[in-house]
Amino acid sequence: MIGGVALGLLVLAFDAFRAGTLLIGLALLAGAVLRRVLPSVGMLAVRSRFTDMATYGGLGFVIVMLALMIQPSPWLSLPFLDDIVHFTVR
């Protein structure tokens, strides 16, 4: 997981914003899956498994969704978000 985030940050440094952000989000989602399937993490377990899965999964999902909606030419368009932005920022 740390390697995936580091690779995403390296890609971000070379001006590939969408690809780097997707790598970071996918690395967090992979971390959530790994936390679920690995039986024990030893002395590193200071939080519960559910807390780690919820945090990594939630942040990973949000980062991937935002990476897909980056302007210009987004890969994913959600019409209700345009209405929310238009309503809040005039």
PDB file of N, CA and C in Angstrom:
ATOM      1  N   MET A   1       0.823  -1.187   0.000  1.00  0.00           N
ATOM      2  CA  MET A   1       0.000   0.000   0.000  1.00  0.00           C
ATOM      3  C   MET A   1       0.867   1.250   0.000  1.00  0.00           C
ATOM      4  N   ILE A   2       1.877   1.284   0.826  1.00  0.00           N
ATOM      5  CA  ILE A   2       2.737   2.467   0.883  1.00  0.00           C
ATOM      6  C   ILE A   2       3.469   2.653  -0.445  1.00  0.00           C
ATOM      7  N   GLY A   3       3.861   1.549  -1.051  1.00  0.00           N
ATOM      8  CA  GLY A   3       4.523   1.615  -2.349  1.00  0.00           C
ATOM      9  C   GLY A   3       3.614   2.173  -3.423  1.00  0.00           C
ATOM     10  N   GLY A   4       2.340   1.800  -3.399  1.00  0.00           N
ATOM     11  CA  GLY A   4       1.381   2.316  -4.369  1.00  0.00           C
ATOM     12  C   GLY A   4       1.144   3.804  -4.202  1.00  0.00           C
ATOM     13  N   VAL A   5       1.046   4.252  -2.966  1.00  0.00           N
ATOM     14  CA  VAL A   5       0.871   5.687  -2.711  1.00  0.00           C
ATOM     15  C   VAL A   5       2.130   6.450  -3.127  1.00  0.00           C
ATOM     16  N   ALA A   6       3.301   5.882  -2.841  1.00  0.00           N
ATOM     17  CA  ALA A   6       4.556   6.538  -3.243  1.00  0.00           C
ATOM     18  C   ALA A   6       4.654   6.626  -4.763  1.00  0.00           C
ATOM     19  N   LEU A   7       4.261   5.555  -5.454  1.00  0.00           N
ATOM     20  CA  LEU A   7       4.270   5.580  -6.917  1.00  0.00           C
ATOM     21  C   LEU A   7       3.289   6.626  -7.440  1.00  0.00           C
ATOM     22  N   GLY A   8       2.112   6.722  -6.826  1.00  0.00           N
ATOM     23  CA  GLY A   8       1.140   7.737  -7.219  1.00  0.00           C
ATOM     24  C   GLY A   8       1.669   9.149  -7.021  1.00  0.00           C
ATOM     25  N   LEU A   9       2.368   9.379  -5.905  1.00  0.00           N
ATOM     26  CA  LEU A   9       2.953  10.702  -5.673  1.00  0.00           C
ATOM     27  C   LEU A   9       4.066  11.002  -6.674  1.00  0.00           C
ATOM     28  N   LEU A  10       4.817   9.984  -7.062  1.00  0.00           N
ATOM     29  CA  LEU A  10       5.864  10.176  -8.069  1.00  0.00           C
ATOM     30  C   LEU A  10       5.256  10.523  -9.421  1.00  0.00           C
ATOM     31  N   VAL A  11       4.178   9.841  -9.781  1.00  0.00           N
ATOM     32  CA  VAL A  11       3.488  10.151 -11.029  1.00  0.00           C
ATOM     33  C   VAL A  11       2.909  11.564 -10.973  1.00  0.00           C
ATOM     34  N   LEU A  12       2.388  11.962  -9.820  1.00  0.00           N
ATOM     35  CA  LEU A  12       1.891  13.336  -9.651  1.00  0.00           C
ATOM     36  C   LEU A  12       2.996  14.362  -9.858  1.00  0.00           C
ATOM     37  N   ALA A  13       4.197  14.032  -9.420  1.00  0.00           N
ATOM     38  CA  ALA A  13       5.317  14.962  -9.563  1.00  0.00           C
ATOM     39  C   ALA A  13       5.684  15.187 -11.024  1.00  0.00           C
ATOM     40  N   PHE A  14       5.354  14.231 -11.887  1.00  0.00           N
ATOM     41  CA  PHE A  14       5.657  14.360 -13.310  1.00  0.00           C
ATOM     42  C   PHE A  14       4.450  14.830 -14.112  1.00  0.00           C
ATOM     43  N   ASP A  15       3.544  15.564 -13.491  1.00  0.00           N
ATOM     44  CA  ASP A  15       2.406  16.236 -14.133  1.00  0.00           C
ATOM     45  C   ASP A  15       1.376  15.300 -14.757  1.00  0.00           C
ATOM     46  N   ALA A  16       1.176  14.138 -14.216  1.00  0.00           N
ATOM     47  CA  ALA A  16       0.091  13.266 -14.647  1.00  0.00           C
ATOM     48  C   ALA A  16      -0.891  13.185 -13.484  1.00  0.00           C
ATOM     49  N   PHE A  17      -1.671  14.261 -13.316  1.00  0.00           N
ATOM     50  CA  PHE A  17      -2.494  14.416 -12.124  1.00  0.00           C
ATOM     51  C   PHE A  17      -3.543  13.322 -11.998  1.00  0.00           C
ATOM     52  N   ARG A  18      -4.274  13.059 -13.083  1.00  0.00           N
ATOM     53  CA  ARG A  18      -5.355  12.070 -13.003  1.00  0.00           C
ATOM     54  C   ARG A  18      -4.798  10.676 -12.714  1.00  0.00           C
ATOM     55  N   ALA A  19      -3.739  10.286 -13.406  1.00  0.00           N
ATOM     56  CA  ALA A  19      -3.162   8.949 -13.207  1.00  0.00           C
ATOM     57  C   ALA A  19      -2.583   8.797 -11.798  1.00  0.00           C
ATOM     58  N   GLY A  20      -1.900   9.812 -11.316  1.00  0.00           N
ATOM     59  CA  GLY A  20      -1.330   9.747  -9.975  1.00  0.00           C
ATOM     60  C   GLY A  20      -2.393   9.672  -8.897  1.00  0.00           C
ATOM     61  N   THR A  21      -3.451  10.446  -9.060  1.00  0.00           N
ATOM     62  CA  THR A  21      -4.533  10.435  -8.085  1.00  0.00           C
ATOM     63  C   THR A  21      -5.268   9.095  -8.100  1.00  0.00           C
ATOM     64  N   LEU A  22      -5.460   8.533  -9.289  1.00  0.00           N
ATOM     65  CA  LEU A  22      -6.077   7.209  -9.373  1.00  0.00           C
ATOM     66  C   LEU A  22      -5.212   6.157  -8.688  1.00  0.00           C
ATOM     67  N   LEU A  23      -3.902   6.218  -8.878  1.00  0.00           N
ATOM     68  CA  LEU A  23      -3.009   5.261  -8.225  1.00  0.00           C
ATOM     69  C   LEU A  23      -3.107   5.359  -6.704  1.00  0.00           C
ATOM     70  N   ILE A  24      -3.163   6.563  -6.189  1.00  0.00           N
ATOM     71  CA  ILE A  24      -3.268   6.746  -4.737  1.00  0.00           C
ATOM     72  C   ILE A  24      -4.585   6.172  -4.225  1.00  0.00           C
ATOM     73  N   GLY A  25      -5.692   6.476  -4.892  1.00  0.00           N
ATOM     74  CA  GLY A  25      -6.986   5.955  -4.470  1.00  0.00           C
ATOM     75  C   GLY A  25      -7.062   4.443  -4.558  1.00  0.00           C
ATOM     76  N   LEU A  26      -6.521   3.868  -5.636  1.00  0.00           N
ATOM     77  CA  LEU A  26      -6.536   2.414  -5.780  1.00  0.00           C
ATOM     78  C   LEU A  26      -5.636   1.746  -4.752  1.00  0.00           C
ATOM     79  N   ALA A  27      -4.533   2.396  -4.382  1.00  0.00           N
ATOM     80  CA  ALA A  27      -3.661   1.835  -3.343  1.00  0.00           C
ATOM     81  C   ALA A  27      -4.384   1.809  -1.997  1.00  0.00           C
ATOM     82  N   LEU A  28      -5.161   2.840  -1.704  1.00  0.00           N
ATOM     83  CA  LEU A  28      -5.931   2.842  -0.455  1.00  0.00           C
ATOM     84  C   LEU A  28      -7.017   1.767  -0.467  1.00  0.00           C
ATOM     85  N   LEU A  29      -7.678   1.578  -1.609  1.00  0.00           N
ATOM     86  CA  LEU A  29      -8.670   0.512  -1.707  1.00  0.00           C
ATOM     87  C   LEU A  29      -8.011  -0.857  -1.552  1.00  0.00           C
ATOM     88  N   ALA A  30      -6.833  -1.031  -2.136  1.00  0.00           N
ATOM     89  CA  ALA A  30      -6.095  -2.289  -1.978  1.00  0.00           C
ATOM     90  C   ALA A  30      -5.708  -2.503  -0.517  1.00  0.00           C
ATOM     91  N   GLY A  31      -5.362  -1.429   0.182  1.00  0.00           N
ATOM     92  CA  GLY A  31      -5.044  -1.538   1.601  1.00  0.00           C
ATOM     93  C   GLY A  31      -6.237  -1.999   2.419  1.00  0.00           C
ATOM     94  N   ALA A  32      -7.434  -1.521   2.061  1.00  0.00           N
ATOM     95  CA  ALA A  32      -8.640  -1.962   2.757  1.00  0.00           C
ATOM     96  C   ALA A  32      -8.894  -3.447   2.523  1.00  0.00           C
ATOM     97  N   VAL A  33      -8.698  -3.894   1.291  1.00  0.00           N
ATOM     98  CA  VAL A  33      -8.894  -5.312   0.980  1.00  0.00           C
ATOM     99  C   VAL A  33      -7.855  -6.164   1.704  1.00  0.00           C
ATOM    100  N   LEU A  34      -6.597  -5.721   1.682  1.00  0.00           N
ATOM    101  CA  LEU A  34      -5.546  -6.476   2.365  1.00  0.00           C
ATOM    102  C   LEU A  34      -5.797  -6.560   3.864  1.00  0.00           C
ATOM    103  N   ARG A  35      -6.292  -5.489   4.447  1.00  0.00           N
ATOM    104  CA  ARG A  35      -6.572  -5.497   5.892  1.00  0.00           C
ATOM    105  C   ARG A  35      -7.676  -6.496   6.205  1.00  0.00           C
ATOM    106  N   ARG A  36      -8.589  -6.690   5.257  1.00  0.00           N
ATOM    107  CA  ARG A  36      -9.673  -7.640   5.467  1.00  0.00           C
ATOM    108  C   ARG A  36      -9.193  -9.084   5.343  1.00  0.00           C
ATOM    109  N   VAL A  37      -8.344  -9.370   4.364  1.00  0.00           N
ATOM    110  CA  VAL A  37      -7.992 -10.766   4.083  1.00  0.00           C
ATOM    111  C   VAL A  37      -6.804 -11.267   4.889  1.00  0.00           C
ATOM    112  N   LEU A  38      -5.916 -10.385   5.325  1.00  0.00           N
ATOM    113  CA  LEU A  38      -4.777 -10.843   6.112  1.00  0.00           C
ATOM    114  C   LEU A  38      -5.232 -11.197   7.526  1.00  0.00           C
ATOM    115  N   PRO A  39      -4.805 -12.328   8.035  1.00  0.00           N
ATOM    116  CA  PRO A  39      -5.313 -12.780   9.331  1.00  0.00           C
ATOM    117  C   PRO A  39      -4.841 -11.933  10.511  1.00  0.00           C
ATOM    118  N   SER A  40      -3.603 -11.465  10.469  1.00  0.00           N
ATOM    119  CA  SER A  40      -3.075 -10.725  11.614  1.00  0.00           C
ATOM    120  C   SER A  40      -2.018  -9.752  11.129  1.00  0.00           C
ATOM    121  N   VAL A  41      -1.938  -8.625  11.786  1.00  0.00           N
ATOM    122  CA  VAL A  41      -0.916  -7.648  11.436  1.00  0.00           C
ATOM    123  C   VAL A  41       0.099  -7.485  12.555  1.00  0.00           C
ATOM    124  N   GLY A  42       0.011  -8.304  13.578  1.00  0.00           N
ATOM    125  CA  GLY A  42       1.009  -8.303  14.645  1.00  0.00           C
ATOM    126  C   GLY A  42       0.947  -7.073  15.524  1.00  0.00           C
ATOM    127  N   MET A  43       2.119  -6.549  15.867  1.00  0.00           N
ATOM    128  CA  MET A  43       2.208  -5.413  16.791  1.00  0.00           C
ATOM    129  C   MET A  43       1.748  -4.108  16.170  1.00  0.00           C
ATOM    130  N   LEU A  44       1.524  -4.085  14.844  1.00  0.00           N
ATOM    131  CA  LEU A  44       1.072  -2.860  14.192  1.00  0.00           C
ATOM    132  C   LEU A  44      -0.418  -2.605  14.394  1.00  0.00           C
ATOM    133  N   ALA A  45      -1.139  -3.556  14.936  1.00  0.00           N
ATOM    134  CA  ALA A  45      -2.588  -3.428  15.106  1.00  0.00           C
ATOM    135  C   ALA A  45      -2.896  -2.575  16.327  1.00  0.00           C
ATOM    136  N   VAL A  46      -3.063  -1.291  16.099  1.00  0.00           N
ATOM    137  CA  VAL A  46      -3.438  -0.397  17.196  1.00  0.00           C
ATOM    138  C   VAL A  46      -4.895   0.038  17.066  1.00  0.00           C
ATOM    139  N   ARG A  47      -5.490  -0.211  15.889  1.00  0.00           N
ATOM    140  CA  ARG A  47      -6.906   0.085  15.667  1.00  0.00           C
ATOM    141  C   ARG A  47      -7.612  -1.222  15.331  1.00  0.00           C
ATOM    142  N   SER A  48      -8.911  -1.176  15.328  1.00  0.00           N
ATOM    143  CA  SER A  48      -9.659  -2.374  14.961  1.00  0.00           C
ATOM    144  C   SER A  48      -9.624  -2.565  13.450  1.00  0.00           C
ATOM    145  N   ARG A  49      -9.895  -3.779  13.030  1.00  0.00           N
ATOM    146  CA  ARG A  49      -9.917  -4.106  11.602  1.00  0.00           C
ATOM    147  C   ARG A  49     -10.994  -3.297  10.894  1.00  0.00           C
ATOM    148  N   PHE A  50     -12.153  -3.156  11.528  1.00  0.00           N
ATOM    149  CA  PHE A  50     -13.247  -2.398  10.922  1.00  0.00           C
ATOM    150  C   PHE A  50     -12.858  -0.934  10.702  1.00  0.00           C
ATOM    151  N   THR A  51     -12.189  -0.329  11.675  1.00  0.00           N
ATOM    152  CA  THR A  51     -11.770   1.067  11.544  1.00  0.00           C
ATOM    153  C   THR A  51     -10.816   1.240  10.375  1.00  0.00           C
ATOM    154  N   ASP A  52      -9.847   0.341  10.257  1.00  0.00           N
ATOM    155  CA  ASP A  52      -8.910   0.428   9.132  1.00  0.00           C
ATOM    156  C   ASP A  52      -9.620   0.247   7.797  1.00  0.00           C
ATOM    157  N   MET A  53     -10.493  -0.743   7.707  1.00  0.00           N
ATOM    158  CA  MET A  53     -11.191  -0.995   6.445  1.00  0.00           C
ATOM    159  C   MET A  53     -12.096   0.176   6.071  1.00  0.00           C
ATOM    160  N   ALA A  54     -12.800   0.721   7.037  1.00  0.00           N
ATOM    161  CA  ALA A  54     -13.702   1.844   6.755  1.00  0.00           C
ATOM    162  C   ALA A  54     -12.921   3.085   6.338  1.00  0.00           C
ATOM    163  N   THR A  55     -11.820   3.344   7.024  1.00  0.00           N
ATOM    164  CA  THR A  55     -11.024   4.534   6.703  1.00  0.00           C
ATOM    165  C   THR A  55     -10.359   4.406   5.342  1.00  0.00           C
ATOM    166  N   TYR A  56      -9.638   3.305   5.128  1.00  0.00           N
ATOM    167  CA  TYR A  56      -8.952   3.113   3.843  1.00  0.00           C
ATOM    168  C   TYR A  56      -9.947   3.013   2.696  1.00  0.00           C
ATOM    169  N   GLY A  57     -11.020   2.263   2.897  1.00  0.00           N
ATOM    170  CA  GLY A  57     -12.015   2.103   1.841  1.00  0.00           C
ATOM    171  C   GLY A  57     -12.737   3.392   1.517  1.00  0.00           C
ATOM    172  N   GLY A  58     -13.140   4.134   2.549  1.00  0.00           N
ATOM    173  CA  GLY A  58     -13.833   5.400   2.318  1.00  0.00           C
ATOM    174  C   GLY A  58     -12.963   6.435   1.628  1.00  0.00           C
ATOM    175  N   LEU A  59     -11.760   6.616   2.137  1.00  0.00           N
ATOM    176  CA  LEU A  59     -10.849   7.584   1.512  1.00  0.00           C
ATOM    177  C   LEU A  59     -10.465   7.161   0.097  1.00  0.00           C
ATOM    178  N   GLY A  60     -10.215   5.869  -0.090  1.00  0.00           N
ATOM    179  CA  GLY A  60      -9.873   5.377  -1.425  1.00  0.00           C
ATOM    180  C   GLY A  60     -10.997   5.602  -2.414  1.00  0.00           C
ATOM    181  N   PHE A  61     -12.236   5.317  -2.000  1.00  0.00           N
ATOM    182  CA  PHE A  61     -13.387   5.518  -2.875  1.00  0.00           C
ATOM    183  C   PHE A  61     -13.550   6.989  -3.247  1.00  0.00           C
ATOM    184  N   VAL A  62     -13.449   7.869  -2.269  1.00  0.00           N
ATOM    185  CA  VAL A  62     -13.615   9.305  -2.538  1.00  0.00           C
ATOM    186  C   VAL A  62     -12.507   9.813  -3.461  1.00  0.00           C
ATOM    187  N   ILE A  63     -11.280   9.386  -3.240  1.00  0.00           N
ATOM    188  CA  ILE A  63     -10.172   9.840  -4.081  1.00  0.00           C
ATOM    189  C   ILE A  63     -10.332   9.328  -5.508  1.00  0.00           C
ATOM    190  N   VAL A  64     -10.745   8.079  -5.682  1.00  0.00           N
ATOM    191  CA  VAL A  64     -10.960   7.548  -7.030  1.00  0.00           C
ATOM    192  C   VAL A  64     -12.091   8.308  -7.722  1.00  0.00           C
ATOM    193  N   MET A  65     -13.183   8.566  -7.023  1.00  0.00           N
ATOM    194  CA  MET A  65     -14.295   9.305  -7.632  1.00  0.00           C
ATOM    195  C   MET A  65     -13.869  10.716  -8.042  1.00  0.00           C
ATOM    196  N   LEU A  66     -13.123  11.385  -7.172  1.00  0.00           N
ATOM    197  CA  LEU A  66     -12.651  12.730  -7.522  1.00  0.00           C
ATOM    198  C   LEU A  66     -11.674  12.688  -8.689  1.00  0.00           C
ATOM    199  N   ALA A  67     -10.837  11.653  -8.755  1.00  0.00           N
ATOM    200  CA  ALA A  67      -9.903  11.528  -9.880  1.00  0.00           C
ATOM    201  C   ALA A  67     -10.649  11.320 -11.192  1.00  0.00           C
ATOM    202  N   LEU A  68     -11.753  10.611 -11.147  1.00  0.00           N
ATOM    203  CA  LEU A  68     -12.533  10.390 -12.367  1.00  0.00           C
ATOM    204  C   LEU A  68     -13.289  11.638 -12.809  1.00  0.00           C
ATOM    205  N   MET A  69     -13.493  12.601 -11.900  1.00  0.00           N
ATOM    206  CA  MET A  69     -14.248  13.806 -12.234  1.00  0.00           C
ATOM    207  C   MET A  69     -13.361  15.037 -12.439  1.00  0.00           C
ATOM    208  N   ILE A  70     -12.043  14.839 -12.512  1.00  0.00           N
ATOM    209  CA  ILE A  70     -11.130  15.973 -12.683  1.00  0.00           C
ATOM    210  C   ILE A  70     -11.387  16.647 -14.027  1.00  0.00           C
ATOM    211  N   GLN A  71     -11.430  17.964 -14.015  1.00  0.00           N
ATOM    212  CA  GLN A  71     -11.601  18.755 -15.229  1.00  0.00           C
ATOM    213  C   GLN A  71     -10.240  19.026 -15.853  1.00  0.00           C
ATOM    214  N   PRO A  72     -10.084  19.216 -17.112  1.00  0.00           N
ATOM    215  CA  PRO A  72     -11.069  19.153 -18.200  1.00  0.00           C
ATOM    216  C   PRO A  72     -11.280  17.722 -18.664  1.00  0.00           C
ATOM    217  N   SER A  73     -12.329  17.511 -19.390  1.00  0.00           N
ATOM    218  CA  SER A  73     -12.764  16.213 -19.930  1.00  0.00           C
ATOM    219  C   SER A  73     -12.796  15.118 -18.871  1.00  0.00           C
ATOM    220  N   PRO A  74     -13.750  15.213 -17.948  1.00  0.00           N
ATOM    221  CA  PRO A  74     -13.861  14.178 -16.909  1.00  0.00           C
ATOM    222  C   PRO A  74     -14.283  12.838 -17.501  1.00  0.00           C
ATOM    223  N   TRP A  75     -13.809  11.759 -16.896  1.00  0.00           N
ATOM    224  CA  TRP A  75     -14.201  10.406 -17.314  1.00  0.00           C
ATOM    225  C   TRP A  75     -15.544  10.026 -16.732  1.00  0.00           C
ATOM    226  N   LEU A  76     -15.968  10.701 -15.678  1.00  0.00           N
ATOM    227  CA  LEU A  76     -17.238  10.424 -15.014  1.00  0.00           C
ATOM    228  C   LEU A  76     -17.936  11.753 -14.765  1.00  0.00           C
ATOM    229  N   SER A  77     -19.196  11.822 -15.142  1.00  0.00           N
ATOM    230  CA  SER A  77     -19.959  13.046 -14.940  1.00  0.00           C
ATOM    231  C   SER A  77     -21.214  12.717 -14.142  1.00  0.00           C
ATOM    232  N   LEU A  78     -21.375  13.404 -13.026  1.00  0.00           N
ATOM    233  CA  LEU A  78     -22.570  13.233 -12.192  1.00  0.00           C
ATOM    234  C   LEU A  78     -23.355  14.537 -12.212  1.00  0.00           C
ATOM    235  N   PRO A  79     -24.515  14.547 -12.877  1.00  0.00           N
ATOM    236  CA  PRO A  79     -25.256  15.802 -13.068  1.00  0.00           C
ATOM    237  C   PRO A  79     -25.659  16.494 -11.772  1.00  0.00           C
ATOM    238  N   PHE A  80     -25.986  15.745 -10.729  1.00  0.00           N
ATOM    239  CA  PHE A  80     -26.430  16.400  -9.496  1.00  0.00           C
ATOM    240  C   PHE A  80     -25.298  17.178  -8.832  1.00  0.00           C
ATOM    241  N   LEU A  81     -24.039  16.812  -9.098  1.00  0.00           N
ATOM    242  CA  LEU A  81     -22.930  17.579  -8.538  1.00  0.00           C
ATOM    243  C   LEU A  81     -22.827  18.960  -9.176  1.00  0.00           C
ATOM    244  N   ASP A  82     -23.140  19.059 -10.466  1.00  0.00           N
ATOM    245  CA  ASP A  82     -23.166  20.374 -11.108  1.00  0.00           C
ATOM    246  C   ASP A  82     -24.209  21.275 -10.451  1.00  0.00           C
ATOM    247  N   ASP A  83     -25.363  20.712 -10.131  1.00  0.00           N
ATOM    248  CA  ASP A  83     -26.409  21.500  -9.466  1.00  0.00           C
ATOM    249  C   ASP A  83     -25.971  21.941  -8.075  1.00  0.00           C
ATOM    250  N   ILE A  84     -25.300  21.064  -7.341  1.00  0.00           N
ATOM    251  CA  ILE A  84     -24.826  21.409  -5.997  1.00  0.00           C
ATOM    252  C   ILE A  84     -23.789  22.519  -6.065  1.00  0.00           C
ATOM    253  N   VAL A  85     -22.859  22.415  -6.995  1.00  0.00           N
ATOM    254  CA  VAL A  85     -21.829  23.455  -7.133  1.00  0.00           C
ATOM    255  C   VAL A  85     -22.468  24.768  -7.571  1.00  0.00           C
ATOM    256  N   HIS A  86     -23.413  24.709  -8.508  1.00  0.00           N
ATOM    257  CA  HIS A  86     -24.074  25.929  -8.961  1.00  0.00           C
ATOM    258  C   HIS A  86     -24.866  26.584  -7.830  1.00  0.00           C
ATOM    259  N   PHE A  87     -25.454  25.768  -6.967  1.00  0.00           N
ATOM    260  CA  PHE A  87     -26.246  26.296  -5.860  1.00  0.00           C
ATOM    261  C   PHE A  87     -25.354  26.898  -4.772  1.00  0.00           C
ATOM    262  N   THR A  88     -24.209  26.273  -4.493  1.00  0.00           N
ATOM    263  CA  THR A  88     -23.367  26.736  -3.380  1.00  0.00           C
ATOM    264  C   THR A  88     -22.399  27.834  -3.802  1.00  0.00           C
ATOM    265  N   VAL A  89     -21.930  27.816  -5.034  1.00  0.00           N
ATOM    266  CA  VAL A  89     -20.955  28.817  -5.500  1.00  0.00           C
ATOM    267  C   VAL A  89     -21.601  29.609  -6.619  1.00  0.00           C
ATOM    268  N   ARG A  90     -21.944  30.821  -6.321  1.00  0.00           N
ATOM    269  CA  ARG A  90     -22.608  31.657  -7.346  1.00  0.00           C
ATOM    270  C   ARG A  90     -21.710  32.713  -7.848  1.00  0.00           C
TER     271      ARG A  90
END
